[in-house]
Amino acid sequence: MTKIRTRYAPSPTGRMHVGNLRTALYEYLIAKHEGGDFILRIEDTDQERLVEGATEIIYRTLEGTGLIHDEGPDKDKGYGPYIQSERQATGMYLKYAKELVHKGEAYYCFCDRERLESLKTEVAGKEICMYDKHCLGLSKEQVEENLKKGMPYVIRQNIPNEGTTTFTDDIYGEITVDNSELDDMILIKSDGYPTYNFANVVDDHLMEITHVVRGNEYISSSPKYQRLYDAFGWQSPIYVHLPLITDENHKKLSKRCGHSSYEDLIEQGFVSEAIVNFIALLGWSPSENREIFTLDELIKEFDYHHINKAPAVFDMVKLRWMNGEYIKAMDKEKFYEMAMPYYKEVIHKELDYRKILDLVKTRIEVLPEIKEHIDFFEELPEYDIEMYTHKKMKTNPEISLQVLREILPILEDTDDFTLDNLHEVCMKYISDKGIKNGTGLWPIRTAVSGKQMTPGGAFEIMDILGKEETLKRIRIGIDKLS
């Protein structure tokens, strides 16, 4: 059996879009599910779009998500170079393009920009340019003369006007297109660099790639790829085209939405394991009815034949829920480490951060929510006395004032200000007064937090604040209610 080899071949043009990350993830899972190799190849043939530092983003993202490549620019296993500009420098792409010219499957084109502009037409409101094979008619002598003169040229694929081209995709099945719909695409650009499409085919063949995974927007280009494989006499790889990812409004997920890249999501407080888990389900359905998977579990479960054709919706509500589940299950020390930057933004006092963060660990969906849950520990916020009214707890400002006046001296006389003892002291007061727990505890919690909702109850908050701050806040409550 042929060893499976997949490749992730990003262009270093900025942050990694979740669609590209899904492609990388699926390629990784296809390879690892069968004990194959996952290769990283940097496609920098479009020199104008390159962004400084983008290659480092690619490495950082793959490392952060656990998608560790077996081969790549930093791990040459004999198929390198793994950066296209370095491969181009060897002259290999031009060599292969000239081989196609020799076979009549490609030709030199010397048309200038003005002539190409004149070929543009509008179809259904879109401007298209189908090349008219003008330079295919040049004689061998004319071509050689133009080359000698140093005339700028490109090399184009020669696609017949008649007949059809068929290729097979493992998700979408057999697809046939009329050759008349296919343009003679450029293989070698005027700057000597190969186009993305041509370099893809040559590199995939030379690197023995068995499965090519990409978005279904490339289905329309695939017949051209297939014709190149056929022209060279090479075996084509297995094609796996992935469904479109849309936002909640079923529009293509764009950079403007604010959560379209891996780094956007990390900055918004999502954890990498949850992002990977969520993205795995954008188009793939596991055989069993479950949603939480570790990367190792995904490797074991992933069968690419279960990829759907229908567009996948990027459901932010679901991602937030999933992220919350990962935070709940997270090791405490790891959670403290990830939470501390948010903690330090709002709390500058010497307080027991472990106790505070333990209160919020099961209550948040994304890390930045920590701040709004804990900011009252730093300083009592301004609040309205209407917060002391709670019908279910059978309390109002009058009852609350009475409770606070009665509990204050009891707490003043309490030296052991620990959680267990505070619980015992307050519950004894409630029992002695013959009132419901909520009637006694709601006013205390409101006074010490100044918030309608808190991550912990009255005892936990008083334990963390300490005696002096607790008494100060209860006195403020009494003053407000008086």
Protein backbone atom coordinates (compact mmCIF):
# COMPACT_ATOMS: atom_id res chain seq x y z
CA MET A 1 0.00 0.00 0.00
CA THR A 2 1.31 3.48 -0.92
CA LYS A 3 2.15 5.58 2.11
CA ILE A 4 -0.22 8.53 2.43
CA ARG A 5 1.48 11.89 2.04
CA THR A 6 -0.49 15.11 2.42
CA ARG A 7 0.80 18.66 2.28
CA TYR A 8 -0.25 22.00 3.68
CA ALA A 9 0.96 24.64 1.23
CA PRO A 10 0.06 28.12 2.53
CA SER A 11 1.09 31.43 1.04
CA PRO A 12 2.72 33.72 3.64
CA THR A 13 0.27 36.61 3.21
CA GLY A 14 -0.92 37.25 6.80
CA ARG A 15 -2.86 35.56 9.56
CA MET A 16 -4.15 32.04 9.02
CA HIS A 17 -7.82 32.07 8.02
CA VAL A 18 -9.93 29.39 9.73
CA GLY A 19 -10.63 27.92 6.28
CA ASN A 20 -6.89 27.43 5.74
CA LEU A 21 -6.51 26.05 9.25
CA ARG A 22 -9.30 23.55 8.54
CA THR A 23 -7.47 22.50 5.35
CA ALA A 24 -4.26 21.99 7.35
CA LEU A 25 -6.14 20.08 10.06
CA TYR A 26 -7.90 17.75 7.61
CA GLU A 27 -4.65 17.09 5.73
CA TYR A 28 -2.94 16.32 9.05
CA LEU A 29 -5.77 13.99 10.13
CA ILE A 30 -5.94 12.17 6.76
CA ALA A 31 -2.21 11.46 6.96
CA LYS A 32 -2.06 10.55 10.66
CA HIS A 33 -5.20 8.37 10.55
CA GLU A 34 -3.30 6.05 8.19
CA GLY A 35 0.18 6.50 9.70
CA GLY A 36 1.27 8.76 6.82
CA ASP A 37 3.33 11.95 6.53
CA PHE A 38 2.16 15.56 6.79
CA ILE A 39 4.33 18.00 4.83
CA LEU A 40 4.63 21.79 5.10
CA ARG A 41 5.45 23.64 1.89
CA ILE A 42 5.63 27.43 1.67
CA GLU A 43 4.14 28.81 -1.56
CA ASP A 44 5.68 32.24 -2.07
CA THR A 45 5.42 32.47 -5.83
CA ASP A 46 3.11 35.51 -5.66
CA GLN A 47 5.86 37.89 -4.58
CA GLU A 48 3.59 40.96 -4.57
CA ARG A 49 1.28 39.55 -1.86
CA LEU A 50 3.98 38.41 0.57
CA VAL A 51 3.74 39.86 4.09
CA GLU A 52 6.81 40.18 6.30
CA GLY A 53 6.59 37.87 9.32
CA ALA A 54 3.77 35.77 7.81
CA THR A 55 5.95 32.65 7.54
CA GLU A 56 6.57 32.85 11.30
CA ILE A 57 2.76 33.08 11.80
CA ILE A 58 2.37 29.81 9.86
CA TYR A 59 4.93 28.03 12.06
CA ARG A 60 3.45 29.52 15.25
CA THR A 61 -0.10 28.52 14.32
CA LEU A 62 0.80 24.94 13.41
CA GLU A 63 2.78 24.58 16.64
CA GLY A 64 0.00 26.16 18.73
CA THR A 65 -2.62 23.81 17.29
CA GLY A 66 -0.44 20.69 17.58
CA LEU A 67 -0.34 20.11 13.80
CA ILE A 68 3.32 19.18 13.75
CA HIS A 69 4.69 18.57 10.24
CA ASP A 70 6.92 15.60 9.43
CA GLU A 71 8.70 17.44 6.60
CA GLY A 72 9.18 21.07 5.72
CA PRO A 73 11.71 23.87 5.30
CA ASP A 74 13.09 23.06 8.76
CA LYS A 75 12.85 19.24 8.30
CA ASP A 76 14.19 18.24 4.89
CA LYS A 77 13.61 14.53 4.26
CA GLY A 78 14.98 14.53 0.74
CA TYR A 79 12.11 16.20 -1.11
CA GLY A 80 13.30 19.78 -0.59
CA PRO A 81 13.60 22.66 -0.99
CA TYR A 82 10.16 23.13 0.61
CA ILE A 83 9.93 26.85 -0.23
CA GLN A 84 8.79 27.54 -3.78
CA SER A 85 11.04 30.54 -4.39
CA GLU A 86 14.02 28.31 -3.54
CA ARG A 87 12.70 25.61 -5.88
CA GLN A 88 12.19 28.25 -8.58
CA ALA A 89 15.82 29.35 -8.24
CA THR A 90 16.90 25.89 -9.45
CA GLY A 91 15.08 26.51 -12.75
CA MET A 92 12.95 23.37 -12.32
CA TYR A 93 9.57 24.98 -13.07
CA LEU A 94 10.79 26.51 -16.32
CA LYS A 95 12.29 23.13 -17.27
CA TYR A 96 8.93 21.39 -16.79
CA ALA A 97 7.06 24.17 -18.62
CA LYS A 98 9.44 23.84 -21.59
CA GLU A 99 8.80 20.08 -21.57
CA LEU A 100 5.09 20.86 -22.08
CA VAL A 101 5.95 23.33 -24.86
CA HIS A 102 7.95 20.59 -26.57
CA LYS A 103 4.92 18.26 -26.31
CA GLY A 104 2.57 20.91 -27.70
CA GLU A 105 0.73 21.08 -24.35
CA ALA A 106 1.92 24.66 -23.71
CA TYR A 107 3.19 27.63 -25.71
CA TYR A 108 5.02 30.97 -25.40
CA CYS A 109 2.80 34.05 -25.30
CA PHE A 110 4.25 37.51 -26.02
CA CYS A 111 0.99 39.56 -25.90
CA ASP A 112 1.35 42.89 -24.14
CA ARG A 113 -1.00 44.30 -21.49
CA GLU A 114 -2.87 46.44 -24.03
CA ARG A 115 -3.77 43.46 -26.20
CA LEU A 116 -4.86 41.38 -23.19
CA GLU A 117 -7.07 44.25 -21.99
CA SER A 118 -8.81 44.25 -25.36
CA LEU A 119 -9.86 40.61 -24.82
CA LYS A 120 -11.90 41.42 -21.68
CA THR A 121 -15.64 40.91 -21.87
CA GLU A 122 -18.48 41.17 -19.39
CA VAL A 123 -20.57 38.09 -18.56
CA ALA A 124 -23.45 38.34 -16.05
CA GLY A 125 -22.00 41.56 -14.64
CA LYS A 126 -18.51 40.06 -14.18
CA GLU A 127 -15.45 40.99 -16.21
CA ILE A 128 -13.67 37.95 -17.65
CA CYS A 129 -10.71 37.50 -19.96
CA MET A 130 -10.47 34.35 -22.09
CA TYR A 131 -7.22 34.22 -24.03
CA ASP A 132 -7.78 33.71 -27.77
CA LYS A 133 -4.70 31.51 -28.46
CA HIS A 134 -3.20 34.29 -30.60
CA CYS A 135 0.42 33.29 -29.89
CA LEU A 136 -0.26 29.59 -30.45
CA GLY A 137 -0.16 30.49 -34.13
CA LEU A 138 3.45 31.75 -34.00
CA SER A 139 5.97 29.65 -35.89
CA LYS A 140 8.95 28.08 -34.12
CA GLU A 141 11.20 30.62 -35.87
CA GLN A 142 9.05 33.59 -34.71
CA VAL A 143 9.16 32.33 -31.12
CA GLU A 144 12.93 31.92 -31.20
CA GLU A 145 13.37 35.39 -32.71
CA ASN A 146 11.19 36.97 -30.01
CA LEU A 147 13.14 35.16 -27.30
CA LYS A 148 16.45 36.32 -28.80
CA LYS A 149 15.18 39.93 -28.77
CA GLY A 150 14.46 39.54 -25.06
CA MET A 151 10.73 40.17 -25.48
CA PRO A 152 8.75 39.63 -22.25
CA TYR A 153 6.74 36.41 -22.34
CA VAL A 154 4.62 34.01 -20.34
CA ILE A 155 4.12 30.30 -20.96
CA ARG A 156 0.47 29.25 -21.29
CA GLN A 157 -1.22 25.86 -21.02
CA ASN A 158 -2.65 24.72 -24.36
CA ILE A 159 -6.22 23.50 -23.74
CA PRO A 160 -8.20 22.31 -26.78
CA ASN A 161 -11.39 24.19 -27.60
CA GLU A 162 -13.32 21.00 -28.26
CA GLY A 163 -14.17 18.02 -26.04
CA THR A 164 -14.38 17.69 -22.28
CA THR A 165 -12.11 17.12 -19.28
CA THR A 166 -13.13 14.84 -16.42
CA PHE A 167 -11.66 14.44 -12.94
CA THR A 168 -12.86 12.65 -9.80
CA ASP A 169 -13.19 14.14 -6.35
CA ASP A 170 -13.69 11.82 -3.37
CA ILE A 171 -16.43 14.06 -1.93
CA TYR A 172 -18.17 15.46 -5.02
CA GLY A 173 -17.71 12.47 -7.33
CA GLU A 174 -16.92 12.62 -11.04
CA ILE A 175 -16.97 16.13 -12.53
CA THR A 176 -16.86 16.86 -16.27
CA VAL A 177 -16.45 20.29 -17.88
CA ASP A 178 -16.41 21.48 -21.48
CA ASN A 179 -12.92 22.45 -22.57
CA SER A 180 -14.39 25.58 -24.17
CA GLU A 181 -14.99 26.89 -20.62
CA LEU A 182 -11.31 26.53 -19.69
CA ASP A 183 -8.88 29.36 -20.27
CA ASP A 184 -5.29 28.75 -21.37
CA MET A 185 -3.92 29.55 -17.93
CA ILE A 186 -0.45 30.95 -17.44
CA LEU A 187 2.12 28.44 -16.16
CA ILE A 188 5.22 30.68 -16.04
CA LYS A 189 4.74 34.41 -15.39
CA SER A 190 6.73 37.19 -17.03
CA ASP A 191 8.93 37.49 -13.91
CA GLY A 192 10.00 33.87 -14.36
CA TYR A 193 8.03 32.63 -11.36
CA PRO A 194 5.54 29.78 -11.79
CA THR A 195 1.86 30.44 -11.11
CA TYR A 196 0.34 28.94 -7.99
CA ASN A 197 -1.54 26.35 -10.06
CA PHE A 198 1.44 25.13 -12.07
CA ALA A 199 3.86 25.01 -9.14
CA ASN A 200 1.23 23.04 -7.17
CA VAL A 201 1.07 20.27 -9.75
CA VAL A 202 4.84 20.00 -10.24
CA ASP A 203 5.60 20.08 -6.51
CA ASP A 204 2.84 17.64 -5.56
CA HIS A 205 4.14 15.15 -8.13
CA LEU A 206 7.80 15.49 -7.13
CA MET A 207 6.94 15.27 -3.41
CA GLU A 208 4.79 12.18 -4.06
CA ILE A 209 1.66 13.76 -2.54
CA THR A 210 -1.18 11.22 -2.50
CA HIS A 211 -4.11 13.40 -1.31
CA VAL A 212 -4.73 17.04 -2.22
CA VAL A 213 -7.15 18.77 0.17
CA ARG A 214 -8.46 22.26 -0.58
CA GLY A 215 -11.59 24.42 -0.53
CA ASN A 216 -14.31 23.73 -3.08
CA GLU A 217 -13.64 27.11 -4.71
CA TYR A 218 -10.76 25.24 -6.44
CA ILE A 219 -13.09 22.73 -8.10
CA SER A 220 -13.31 25.02 -11.16
CA SER A 221 -9.48 24.96 -11.47
CA SER A 222 -9.19 21.19 -11.05
CA PRO A 223 -9.80 20.29 -14.72
CA LYS A 224 -6.74 22.42 -15.58
CA TYR A 225 -4.72 20.54 -12.94
CA GLN A 226 -5.98 17.24 -14.35
CA ARG A 227 -4.94 18.22 -17.87
CA LEU A 228 -1.43 19.02 -16.59
CA TYR A 229 -1.12 15.59 -14.93
CA ASP A 230 -2.34 13.96 -18.14
CA ALA A 231 0.03 16.07 -20.28
CA PHE A 232 3.03 14.99 -18.21
CA GLY A 233 1.79 11.38 -18.02
CA TRP A 234 1.74 11.54 -14.24
CA GLN A 235 -0.77 9.87 -11.93
CA SER A 236 -3.03 12.49 -10.37
CA PRO A 237 -3.54 12.55 -6.57
CA ILE A 238 -6.83 11.89 -4.77
CA TYR A 239 -8.75 15.18 -4.68
CA VAL A 240 -10.70 16.13 -1.54
CA HIS A 241 -12.57 19.43 -1.91
CA LEU A 242 -14.00 20.92 1.28
CA PRO A 243 -17.32 22.78 1.70
CA LEU A 244 -17.44 26.54 2.07
CA ILE A 245 -17.38 28.01 5.60
CA THR A 246 -20.05 30.69 6.10
CA ASP A 247 -20.99 33.03 8.93
CA GLU A 248 -24.32 32.80 10.77
CA ASN A 249 -25.95 34.75 7.92
CA HIS A 250 -24.75 32.14 5.39
CA LYS A 251 -22.31 34.60 3.80
CA LYS A 252 -18.71 33.57 3.12
CA LEU A 253 -16.64 33.99 6.31
CA SER A 254 -14.64 37.14 5.62
CA LYS A 255 -11.76 38.87 7.37
CA ARG A 256 -14.11 41.73 8.27
CA CYS A 257 -16.12 39.55 10.66
CA GLY A 258 -13.37 39.81 13.29
CA HIS A 259 -13.02 36.09 14.04
CA SER A 260 -11.90 34.70 10.71
CA SER A 261 -8.32 33.83 11.68
CA TYR A 262 -6.74 31.58 14.31
CA GLU A 263 -4.92 34.53 15.90
CA ASP A 264 -8.17 36.56 16.07
CA LEU A 265 -9.74 33.75 18.09
CA ILE A 266 -6.73 33.36 20.40
CA GLU A 267 -6.79 37.13 21.07
CA GLN A 268 -10.52 36.89 21.86
CA GLY A 269 -9.79 34.37 24.62
CA PHE A 270 -10.43 31.04 22.92
CA VAL A 271 -8.07 28.16 23.72
CA SER A 272 -6.28 26.36 20.88
CA GLU A 273 -7.66 22.89 21.74
CA ALA A 274 -11.25 24.18 21.52
CA ILE A 275 -10.53 25.96 18.22
CA VAL A 276 -9.11 22.77 16.68
CA ASN A 277 -12.04 20.68 17.98
CA PHE A 278 -14.57 23.20 16.64
CA ILE A 279 -12.90 23.56 13.23
CA ALA A 280 -12.74 19.76 12.83
CA LEU A 281 -16.56 19.74 12.92
CA LEU A 282 -16.90 22.45 10.23
CA GLY A 283 -17.79 20.06 7.45
CA TRP A 284 -17.03 16.65 8.99
CA SER A 285 -19.45 14.48 10.93
CA PRO A 286 -18.14 11.83 13.35
CA SER A 287 -19.79 8.42 13.25
CA GLU A 288 -20.90 8.70 16.89
CA ASN A 289 -23.01 11.49 18.34
CA ARG A 290 -20.40 13.47 20.27
CA GLU A 291 -18.73 16.85 19.92
CA ILE A 292 -15.71 17.02 22.24
CA PHE A 293 -12.55 15.44 20.78
CA THR A 294 -8.87 15.74 21.64
CA LEU A 295 -6.48 15.87 18.69
CA ASP A 296 -5.46 12.24 19.33
CA GLU A 297 -9.13 11.21 19.34
CA LEU A 298 -9.67 13.09 16.07
CA ILE A 299 -6.76 11.20 14.48
CA LYS A 300 -8.37 7.92 15.48
CA GLU A 301 -11.93 8.88 14.43
CA PHE A 302 -11.36 10.96 11.31
CA ASP A 303 -12.65 9.44 8.07
CA TYR A 304 -12.56 12.03 5.30
CA HIS A 305 -15.31 10.20 3.41
CA HIS A 306 -17.70 11.64 6.05
CA ILE A 307 -16.98 15.21 4.92
CA ASN A 308 -20.20 16.96 3.89
CA LYS A 309 -20.86 18.82 0.65
CA ALA A 310 -23.14 21.42 2.25
CA PRO A 311 -21.60 24.71 3.49
CA ALA A 312 -20.48 24.66 7.13
CA VAL A 313 -21.75 27.45 9.40
CA PHE A 314 -19.26 29.08 11.77
CA ASP A 315 -21.55 29.13 14.83
CA MET A 316 -19.99 31.47 17.39
CA VAL A 317 -22.48 30.39 20.08
CA LYS A 318 -21.35 26.79 19.70
CA LEU A 319 -17.65 27.74 19.72
CA ARG A 320 -18.15 29.75 22.92
CA TRP A 321 -19.94 26.81 24.56
CA MET A 322 -17.19 24.40 23.47
CA ASN A 323 -14.49 26.76 24.72
CA GLY A 324 -16.24 26.93 28.10
CA GLU A 325 -16.20 23.13 28.30
CA TYR A 326 -12.45 23.12 27.64
CA ILE A 327 -11.86 25.76 30.34
CA LYS A 328 -13.91 23.76 32.86
CA ALA A 329 -11.85 20.63 32.14
CA MET A 330 -8.52 22.48 32.11
CA ASP A 331 -5.77 21.72 34.63
CA LYS A 332 -5.92 24.40 37.36
CA GLU A 333 -2.31 25.52 37.04
CA LYS A 334 -2.65 25.91 33.28
CA PHE A 335 -5.85 27.90 33.80
CA TYR A 336 -4.15 30.23 36.31
CA GLU A 337 -1.35 30.83 33.79
CA MET A 338 -3.77 31.66 30.97
CA ALA A 339 -6.07 33.73 33.22
CA MET A 340 -3.45 35.90 34.93
CA PRO A 341 -3.11 38.55 32.16
CA TYR A 342 -6.87 39.24 32.45
CA TYR A 343 -6.77 39.06 36.25
CA LYS A 344 -3.95 41.62 36.43
CA GLU A 345 -5.87 44.04 34.22
CA VAL A 346 -8.50 44.57 36.92
CA ILE A 347 -6.98 43.46 40.25
CA HIS A 348 -3.93 45.15 41.66
CA LYS A 349 -4.46 44.42 45.38
CA GLU A 350 -2.79 41.58 47.25
CA LEU A 351 -5.58 38.99 47.15
CA ASP A 352 -5.60 35.20 46.81
CA TYR A 353 -5.77 34.93 43.02
CA ARG A 354 -6.25 31.16 43.18
CA LYS A 355 -9.43 31.48 45.23
CA ILE A 356 -10.75 34.21 42.92
CA LEU A 357 -9.95 32.33 39.71
CA ASP A 358 -11.35 29.07 41.07
CA LEU A 359 -14.70 30.87 41.41
CA VAL A 360 -14.83 31.83 37.71
CA LYS A 361 -13.30 28.73 36.07
CA THR A 362 -16.67 27.03 35.52
CA ARG A 363 -18.59 30.23 34.77
CA ILE A 364 -16.85 31.68 31.73
CA GLU A 365 -16.86 30.77 28.04
CA VAL A 366 -13.92 32.93 26.94
CA LEU A 367 -11.00 34.19 29.01
CA PRO A 368 -11.69 37.97 28.78
CA GLU A 369 -14.99 37.37 30.64
CA ILE A 370 -12.87 36.86 33.75
CA LYS A 371 -12.54 40.63 34.11
CA GLU A 372 -16.25 41.45 34.39
CA HIS A 373 -16.73 38.62 36.90
CA ILE A 374 -13.96 39.62 39.32
CA ASP A 375 -13.46 43.41 39.02
CA PHE A 376 -15.53 44.07 42.20
CA PHE A 377 -12.79 42.44 44.33
CA GLU A 378 -10.54 45.39 43.50
CA GLU A 379 -13.09 48.08 44.29
CA LEU A 380 -16.76 48.14 45.29
CA PRO A 381 -18.66 49.49 42.27
CA GLU A 382 -21.36 52.13 42.49
CA TYR A 383 -24.70 50.36 42.69
CA ASP A 384 -28.42 51.09 43.05
CA ILE A 385 -30.19 50.03 46.27
CA GLU A 386 -32.90 48.45 44.12
CA MET A 387 -30.45 45.53 43.86
CA TYR A 388 -31.43 44.66 47.45
CA THR A 389 -34.94 43.85 46.19
CA HIS A 390 -35.38 40.19 45.23
CA LYS A 391 -38.89 38.71 45.28
CA LYS A 392 -37.73 35.11 45.23
CA MET A 393 -35.38 35.72 48.17
CA LYS A 394 -38.18 37.68 49.90
CA THR A 395 -35.97 40.67 50.49
CA ASN A 396 -36.20 44.44 49.89
CA PRO A 397 -34.29 47.55 51.05
CA GLU A 398 -36.04 47.62 54.46
CA ILE A 399 -35.39 43.95 55.24
CA SER A 400 -31.86 44.25 53.85
CA LEU A 401 -31.06 47.22 56.09
CA GLN A 402 -32.21 45.25 59.13
CA VAL A 403 -30.08 42.20 58.14
CA LEU A 404 -26.95 44.30 57.56
CA ARG A 405 -27.38 46.20 60.85
CA GLU A 406 -27.74 42.93 62.73
CA ILE A 407 -24.92 41.01 60.99
CA LEU A 408 -22.37 43.86 61.26
CA PRO A 409 -21.66 43.55 65.01
CA ILE A 410 -21.58 39.75 64.72
CA LEU A 411 -18.90 39.99 62.00
CA GLU A 412 -17.04 42.67 63.97
CA ASP A 413 -16.75 40.16 66.81
CA THR A 414 -15.60 37.37 64.50
CA ASP A 415 -11.84 36.85 64.54
CA ASP A 416 -11.73 33.69 62.43
CA PHE A 417 -12.58 35.13 59.01
CA THR A 418 -12.22 31.86 57.07
CA LEU A 419 -14.75 30.37 54.68
CA ASP A 420 -15.97 27.60 57.00
CA ASN A 421 -16.28 29.84 60.03
CA LEU A 422 -18.04 32.63 58.10
CA HIS A 423 -20.53 30.01 56.88
CA GLU A 424 -21.12 28.83 60.44
CA VAL A 425 -21.50 32.39 61.85
CA CYS A 426 -23.92 33.58 59.14
CA MET A 427 -26.02 30.40 59.16
CA LYS A 428 -26.34 30.61 62.96
CA TYR A 429 -27.61 34.19 62.62
CA ILE A 430 -30.15 33.04 59.98
CA SER A 431 -31.25 30.15 62.18
CA ASP A 432 -31.58 32.35 65.28
CA LYS A 433 -33.66 34.90 63.35
CA GLY A 434 -35.87 32.19 61.81
CA ILE A 435 -35.50 33.62 58.30
CA LYS A 436 -34.86 31.91 54.94
CA ASN A 437 -31.24 31.53 53.78
CA GLY A 438 -31.79 33.84 50.80
CA THR A 439 -33.35 36.56 52.98
CA GLY A 440 -30.20 36.68 55.07
CA LEU A 441 -27.53 36.05 52.46
CA TRP A 442 -28.79 38.19 49.52
CA PRO A 443 -28.24 41.51 51.36
CA ILE A 444 -24.79 40.45 52.57
CA ARG A 445 -23.66 39.34 49.10
CA THR A 446 -25.05 42.52 47.53
CA ALA A 447 -23.28 44.73 50.07
CA VAL A 448 -19.87 43.06 49.72
CA SER A 449 -19.98 42.82 45.89
CA GLY A 450 -22.20 45.64 44.63
CA LYS A 451 -23.25 43.28 41.84
CA GLN A 452 -26.40 41.46 40.81
CA MET A 453 -24.43 38.38 39.73
CA THR A 454 -21.20 37.15 41.29
CA PRO A 455 -19.04 34.07 40.69
CA GLY A 456 -19.22 33.08 44.36
CA GLY A 457 -21.58 33.47 47.30
CA ALA A 458 -21.36 35.75 50.33
CA PHE A 459 -19.02 33.44 52.29
CA GLU A 460 -16.47 33.01 49.45
CA ILE A 461 -16.42 36.77 48.76
CA MET A 462 -15.96 37.73 52.45
CA ASP A 463 -13.23 35.09 52.85
CA ILE A 464 -11.30 36.57 49.89
CA LEU A 465 -11.87 40.25 50.82
CA GLY A 466 -10.86 39.76 54.45
CA LYS A 467 -12.40 41.23 57.57
CA GLU A 468 -11.48 44.90 57.18
CA GLU A 469 -12.73 45.28 53.59
CA THR A 470 -15.87 43.22 54.29
CA LEU A 471 -16.89 45.37 57.24
CA LYS A 472 -16.16 48.54 55.26
CA ARG A 473 -18.45 47.39 52.43
CA ILE A 474 -21.26 46.36 54.77
CA ARG A 475 -21.14 49.81 56.43
CA ILE A 476 -21.37 51.40 52.94
CA GLY A 477 -24.44 49.24 52.33
CA ILE A 478 -26.03 50.39 55.58
CA ASP A 479 -25.33 54.05 54.70
CA LYS A 480 -26.88 53.57 51.22
CA LEU A 481 -30.00 51.91 52.66
CA SER A 482 -30.34 54.43 55.48
